[in-house]
Amino acid sequence: MIFMFAGTFEWLLALMYLVNRAHKRGGIFGYTSYLASVTDDGFARAQTWCRNSLFMTGLGELLVGAGIHYLQWDRFFIIWLFLAALAFLTPYLYTESRLKRYLIAHDALPDDYVDPDEALRQRSAQRQRTEGLRDQLRHHR
């Protein structure tokens, strides 16, 4: 049932993006992010990509929810809740990655953009291992 609710919510959100289109950056409606605000063409494409991916993901969640209900697997509510939350993120991750590729292809990626994956990779490479209690106890044996 949670997938059917989440799928319906995504469909309603996509319908809202379709009916109440965002024509300018900085409004309440539409897909807004740092990369979407770089160029006007990128902003318009991000609205379309996000709306279409919300429609597709919502349809997938509705079908999965109907299958779960038909198979009577409703008692695994916590699993479905976790998976529905992950499925809700996919349209936004898809839109952001496609927008980044579009801006790179058109040489419009801002100079101050920091790729989150690259920043995490650099931070974990700089992290130094400290000696903890288990390491101290192992040395004393």
C-alpha atoms as a PDB file:
ATOM      1  CA  MET A   1       0.000   0.000   0.000  1.00  0.00           C
ATOM      2  CA  ILE A   2       2.922   2.347   0.684  1.00  0.00           C
ATOM      3  CA  PHE A   3       4.134   1.969  -2.914  1.00  0.00           C
ATOM      4  CA  MET A   4       0.702   2.829  -4.224  1.00  0.00           C
ATOM      5  CA  PHE A   5       0.617   5.941  -2.021  1.00  0.00           C
ATOM      6  CA  ALA A   6       4.136   6.986  -3.053  1.00  0.00           C
ATOM      7  CA  GLY A   7       3.409   6.335  -6.728  1.00  0.00           C
ATOM      8  CA  THR A   8       0.216   8.368  -6.559  1.00  0.00           C
ATOM      9  CA  PHE A   9       2.091  11.208  -4.842  1.00  0.00           C
ATOM     10  CA  GLU A  10       4.765  11.188  -7.568  1.00  0.00           C
ATOM     11  CA  TRP A  11       2.096  11.229 -10.277  1.00  0.00           C
ATOM     12  CA  LEU A  12       0.388  14.190  -8.614  1.00  0.00           C
ATOM     13  CA  LEU A  13       3.709  15.995  -8.332  1.00  0.00           C
ATOM     14  CA  ALA A  14       4.432  15.341 -12.010  1.00  0.00           C
ATOM     15  CA  LEU A  15       0.949  16.585 -12.934  1.00  0.00           C
ATOM     16  CA  MET A  16       1.605  19.709 -10.915  1.00  0.00           C
ATOM     17  CA  TYR A  17       4.878  20.191 -12.865  1.00  0.00           C
ATOM     18  CA  LEU A  18       2.926  19.705 -16.113  1.00  0.00           C
ATOM     19  CA  VAL A  19       0.019  22.027 -15.334  1.00  0.00           C
ATOM     20  CA  ASN A  20       1.883  24.670 -13.333  1.00  0.00           C
ATOM     21  CA  ARG A  21       5.076  24.896 -15.381  1.00  0.00           C
ATOM     22  CA  ALA A  22       8.002  26.815 -13.995  1.00  0.00           C
ATOM     23  CA  HIS A  23       8.917  29.505 -16.503  1.00  0.00           C
ATOM     24  CA  LYS A  24      11.486  31.314 -14.418  1.00  0.00           C
ATOM     25  CA  ARG A  25      14.127  30.247 -11.979  1.00  0.00           C
ATOM     26  CA  GLY A  26      13.567  30.721  -8.280  1.00  0.00           C
ATOM     27  CA  GLY A  27       9.870  29.971  -8.204  1.00  0.00           C
ATOM     28  CA  ILE A  28       8.044  27.617  -5.888  1.00  0.00           C
ATOM     29  CA  PHE A  29       6.974  25.133  -8.531  1.00  0.00           C
ATOM     30  CA  GLY A  30       9.297  23.072 -10.659  1.00  0.00           C
ATOM     31  CA  TYR A  31      12.672  21.451 -10.318  1.00  0.00           C
ATOM     32  CA  THR A  32      15.132  23.845  -8.722  1.00  0.00           C
ATOM     33  CA  SER A  33      18.753  23.114  -8.018  1.00  0.00           C
ATOM     34  CA  TYR A  34      22.079  24.838  -8.405  1.00  0.00           C
ATOM     35  CA  LEU A  35      22.789  23.191 -11.756  1.00  0.00           C
ATOM     36  CA  ALA A  36      19.285  23.920 -13.039  1.00  0.00           C
ATOM     37  CA  SER A  37      19.807  27.616 -12.369  1.00  0.00           C
ATOM     38  CA  VAL A  38      22.962  27.904 -14.484  1.00  0.00           C
ATOM     39  CA  THR A  39      21.367  28.373 -17.923  1.00  0.00           C
ATOM     40  CA  ASP A  40      17.843  29.034 -19.136  1.00  0.00           C
ATOM     41  CA  ASP A  41      17.951  26.102 -21.565  1.00  0.00           C
ATOM     42  CA  GLY A  42      19.233  23.774 -18.830  1.00  0.00           C
ATOM     43  CA  PHE A  43      16.443  24.947 -16.550  1.00  0.00           C
ATOM     44  CA  ALA A  44      13.785  24.180 -19.171  1.00  0.00           C
ATOM     45  CA  ARG A  45      15.281  20.760 -19.898  1.00  0.00           C
ATOM     46  CA  ALA A  46      15.523  19.941 -16.178  1.00  0.00           C
ATOM     47  CA  GLN A  47      11.793  20.636 -15.782  1.00  0.00           C
ATOM     48  CA  THR A  48      10.983  18.210 -18.593  1.00  0.00           C
ATOM     49  CA  TRP A  49      13.398  15.518 -17.433  1.00  0.00           C
ATOM     50  CA  CYS A  50      12.176  15.674 -13.848  1.00  0.00           C
ATOM     51  CA  ARG A  51       8.503  15.630 -14.834  1.00  0.00           C
ATOM     52  CA  ASN A  52       8.954  12.658 -17.180  1.00  0.00           C
ATOM     53  CA  SER A  53      11.003  10.691 -14.658  1.00  0.00           C
ATOM     54  CA  LEU A  54       8.405  11.398 -11.957  1.00  0.00           C
ATOM     55  CA  PHE A  55       5.710  10.038 -14.256  1.00  0.00           C
ATOM     56  CA  MET A  56       7.701   6.884 -15.025  1.00  0.00           C
ATOM     57  CA  THR A  57       8.812   6.245 -11.445  1.00  0.00           C
ATOM     58  CA  GLY A  58       5.293   6.880 -10.164  1.00  0.00           C
ATOM     59  CA  LEU A  59       3.878   4.416 -12.666  1.00  0.00           C
ATOM     60  CA  GLY A  60       6.484   1.838 -11.633  1.00  0.00           C
ATOM     61  CA  GLU A  61       5.671   2.323  -7.968  1.00  0.00           C
ATOM     62  CA  LEU A  62       1.946   1.982  -8.646  1.00  0.00           C
ATOM     63  CA  LEU A  63       2.550  -1.292 -10.486  1.00  0.00           C
ATOM     64  CA  VAL A  64       4.857  -2.608  -7.762  1.00  0.00           C
ATOM     65  CA  GLY A  65       2.311  -1.599  -5.113  1.00  0.00           C
ATOM     66  CA  ALA A  66      -0.460  -3.407  -6.970  1.00  0.00           C
ATOM     67  CA  GLY A  67       1.763  -6.497  -7.246  1.00  0.00           C
ATOM     68  CA  ILE A  68       2.624  -6.419  -3.546  1.00  0.00           C
ATOM     69  CA  HIS A  69      -1.036  -6.069  -2.635  1.00  0.00           C
ATOM     70  CA  TYR A  70      -2.048  -8.856  -5.050  1.00  0.00           C
ATOM     71  CA  LEU A  71       0.600 -11.207  -3.627  1.00  0.00           C
ATOM     72  CA  GLN A  72      -0.429 -10.221  -0.076  1.00  0.00           C
ATOM     73  CA  TRP A  73       3.077  -9.149   0.921  1.00  0.00           C
ATOM     74  CA  ASP A  74       1.730  -6.104   2.770  1.00  0.00           C
ATOM     75  CA  ARG A  75       3.053  -7.302   6.113  1.00  0.00           C
ATOM     76  CA  PHE A  76       6.644  -6.337   5.147  1.00  0.00           C
ATOM     77  CA  PHE A  77       5.767  -2.677   5.665  1.00  0.00           C
ATOM     78  CA  ILE A  78       9.191  -1.513   6.892  1.00  0.00           C
ATOM     79  CA  ILE A  79      10.952  -2.936   3.828  1.00  0.00           C
ATOM     80  CA  TRP A  80       8.440  -1.323   1.454  1.00  0.00           C
ATOM     81  CA  LEU A  81       8.723   1.994   3.292  1.00  0.00           C
ATOM     82  CA  PHE A  82      12.512   2.018   2.942  1.00  0.00           C
ATOM     83  CA  LEU A  83      12.366   1.021  -0.749  1.00  0.00           C
ATOM     84  CA  ALA A  84       9.658   3.589  -1.495  1.00  0.00           C
ATOM     85  CA  ALA A  85      11.838   6.329  -0.005  1.00  0.00           C
ATOM     86  CA  LEU A  86      14.743   5.223  -2.194  1.00  0.00           C
ATOM     87  CA  ALA A  87      12.480   5.090  -5.241  1.00  0.00           C
ATOM     88  CA  PHE A  88      11.312   8.630  -4.514  1.00  0.00           C
ATOM     89  CA  LEU A  89      14.900   9.890  -4.802  1.00  0.00           C
ATOM     90  CA  THR A  90      15.571   8.348  -8.221  1.00  0.00           C
ATOM     91  CA  PRO A  91      13.861  11.021 -10.381  1.00  0.00           C
ATOM     92  CA  TYR A  92      15.907  13.738  -8.714  1.00  0.00           C
ATOM     93  CA  LEU A  93      19.171  11.815  -8.950  1.00  0.00           C
ATOM     94  CA  TYR A  94      18.435  11.044 -12.608  1.00  0.00           C
ATOM     95  CA  THR A  95      17.607  14.671 -13.401  1.00  0.00           C
ATOM     96  CA  GLU A  96      20.680  16.021 -11.643  1.00  0.00           C
ATOM     97  CA  SER A  97      23.074  13.567 -13.319  1.00  0.00           C
ATOM     98  CA  ARG A  98      21.539  14.189 -16.755  1.00  0.00           C
ATOM     99  CA  LEU A  99      21.687  17.936 -16.204  1.00  0.00           C
ATOM    100  CA  LYS A 100      25.344  17.696 -15.209  1.00  0.00           C
ATOM    101  CA  ARG A 101      26.152  15.731 -18.394  1.00  0.00           C
ATOM    102  CA  TYR A 102      24.234  18.305 -20.443  1.00  0.00           C
ATOM    103  CA  LEU A 103      26.123  21.224 -18.925  1.00  0.00           C
ATOM    104  CA  ILE A 104      29.476  19.478 -19.420  1.00  0.00           C
ATOM    105  CA  ALA A 105      28.635  18.774 -23.071  1.00  0.00           C
ATOM    106  CA  HIS A 106      27.744  22.440 -23.630  1.00  0.00           C
ATOM    107  CA  ASP A 107      30.727  23.710 -21.620  1.00  0.00           C
ATOM    108  CA  ALA A 108      28.425  25.492 -19.181  1.00  0.00           C
ATOM    109  CA  LEU A 109      29.321  23.744 -15.933  1.00  0.00           C
ATOM    110  CA  PRO A 110      30.153  26.490 -13.410  1.00  0.00           C
ATOM    111  CA  ASP A 111      33.701  26.792 -12.152  1.00  0.00           C
ATOM    112  CA  ASP A 112      32.607  26.746  -8.519  1.00  0.00           C
ATOM    113  CA  TYR A 113      30.620  23.492  -8.874  1.00  0.00           C
ATOM    114  CA  VAL A 114      31.817  20.793  -6.493  1.00  0.00           C
ATOM    115  CA  ASP A 115      30.895  17.252  -7.469  1.00  0.00           C
ATOM    116  CA  PRO A 116      29.546  15.573  -4.300  1.00  0.00           C
ATOM    117  CA  ASP A 117      31.025  12.173  -5.201  1.00  0.00           C
ATOM    118  CA  GLU A 118      34.453  13.635  -5.891  1.00  0.00           C
ATOM    119  CA  ALA A 119      34.388  15.686  -2.667  1.00  0.00           C
ATOM    120  CA  LEU A 120      33.535  12.569  -0.658  1.00  0.00           C
ATOM    121  CA  ARG A 121      36.303  10.618  -2.381  1.00  0.00           C
ATOM    122  CA  GLN A 122      38.853  13.333  -1.573  1.00  0.00           C
ATOM    123  CA  ARG A 123      37.695  13.616   2.027  1.00  0.00           C
ATOM    124  CA  SER A 124      37.958   9.871   2.594  1.00  0.00           C
ATOM    125  CA  ALA A 125      41.434   9.815   1.003  1.00  0.00           C
ATOM    126  CA  GLN A 126      42.605  12.560   3.382  1.00  0.00           C
ATOM    127  CA  ARG A 127      41.192  10.830   6.452  1.00  0.00           C
ATOM    128  CA  GLN A 128      43.879   9.378   8.658  1.00  0.00           C
ATOM    129  CA  ARG A 129      43.374   6.310  10.710  1.00  0.00           C
ATOM    130  CA  THR A 130      43.607   6.918  14.438  1.00  0.00           C
ATOM    131  CA  GLU A 131      44.431   4.286  16.951  1.00  0.00           C
ATOM    132  CA  GLY A 132      41.378   3.228  18.894  1.00  0.00           C
ATOM    133  CA  LEU A 133      40.802   1.215  22.061  1.00  0.00           C
ATOM    134  CA  ARG A 134      40.799  -2.114  20.241  1.00  0.00           C
ATOM    135  CA  ASP A 135      44.165  -1.292  18.632  1.00  0.00           C
ATOM    136  CA  GLN A 136      45.615  -0.230  22.000  1.00  0.00           C
ATOM    137  CA  LEU A 137      44.436  -3.431  23.672  1.00  0.00           C
ATOM    138  CA  ARG A 138      45.888  -5.509  20.845  1.00  0.00           C
ATOM    139  CA  HIS A 139      49.338  -3.885  21.312  1.00  0.00           C
ATOM    140  CA  HIS A 140      49.355  -4.628  25.059  1.00  0.00           C
ATOM    141  CA  ARG A 141      48.939  -8.378  24.668  1.00  0.00           C
END
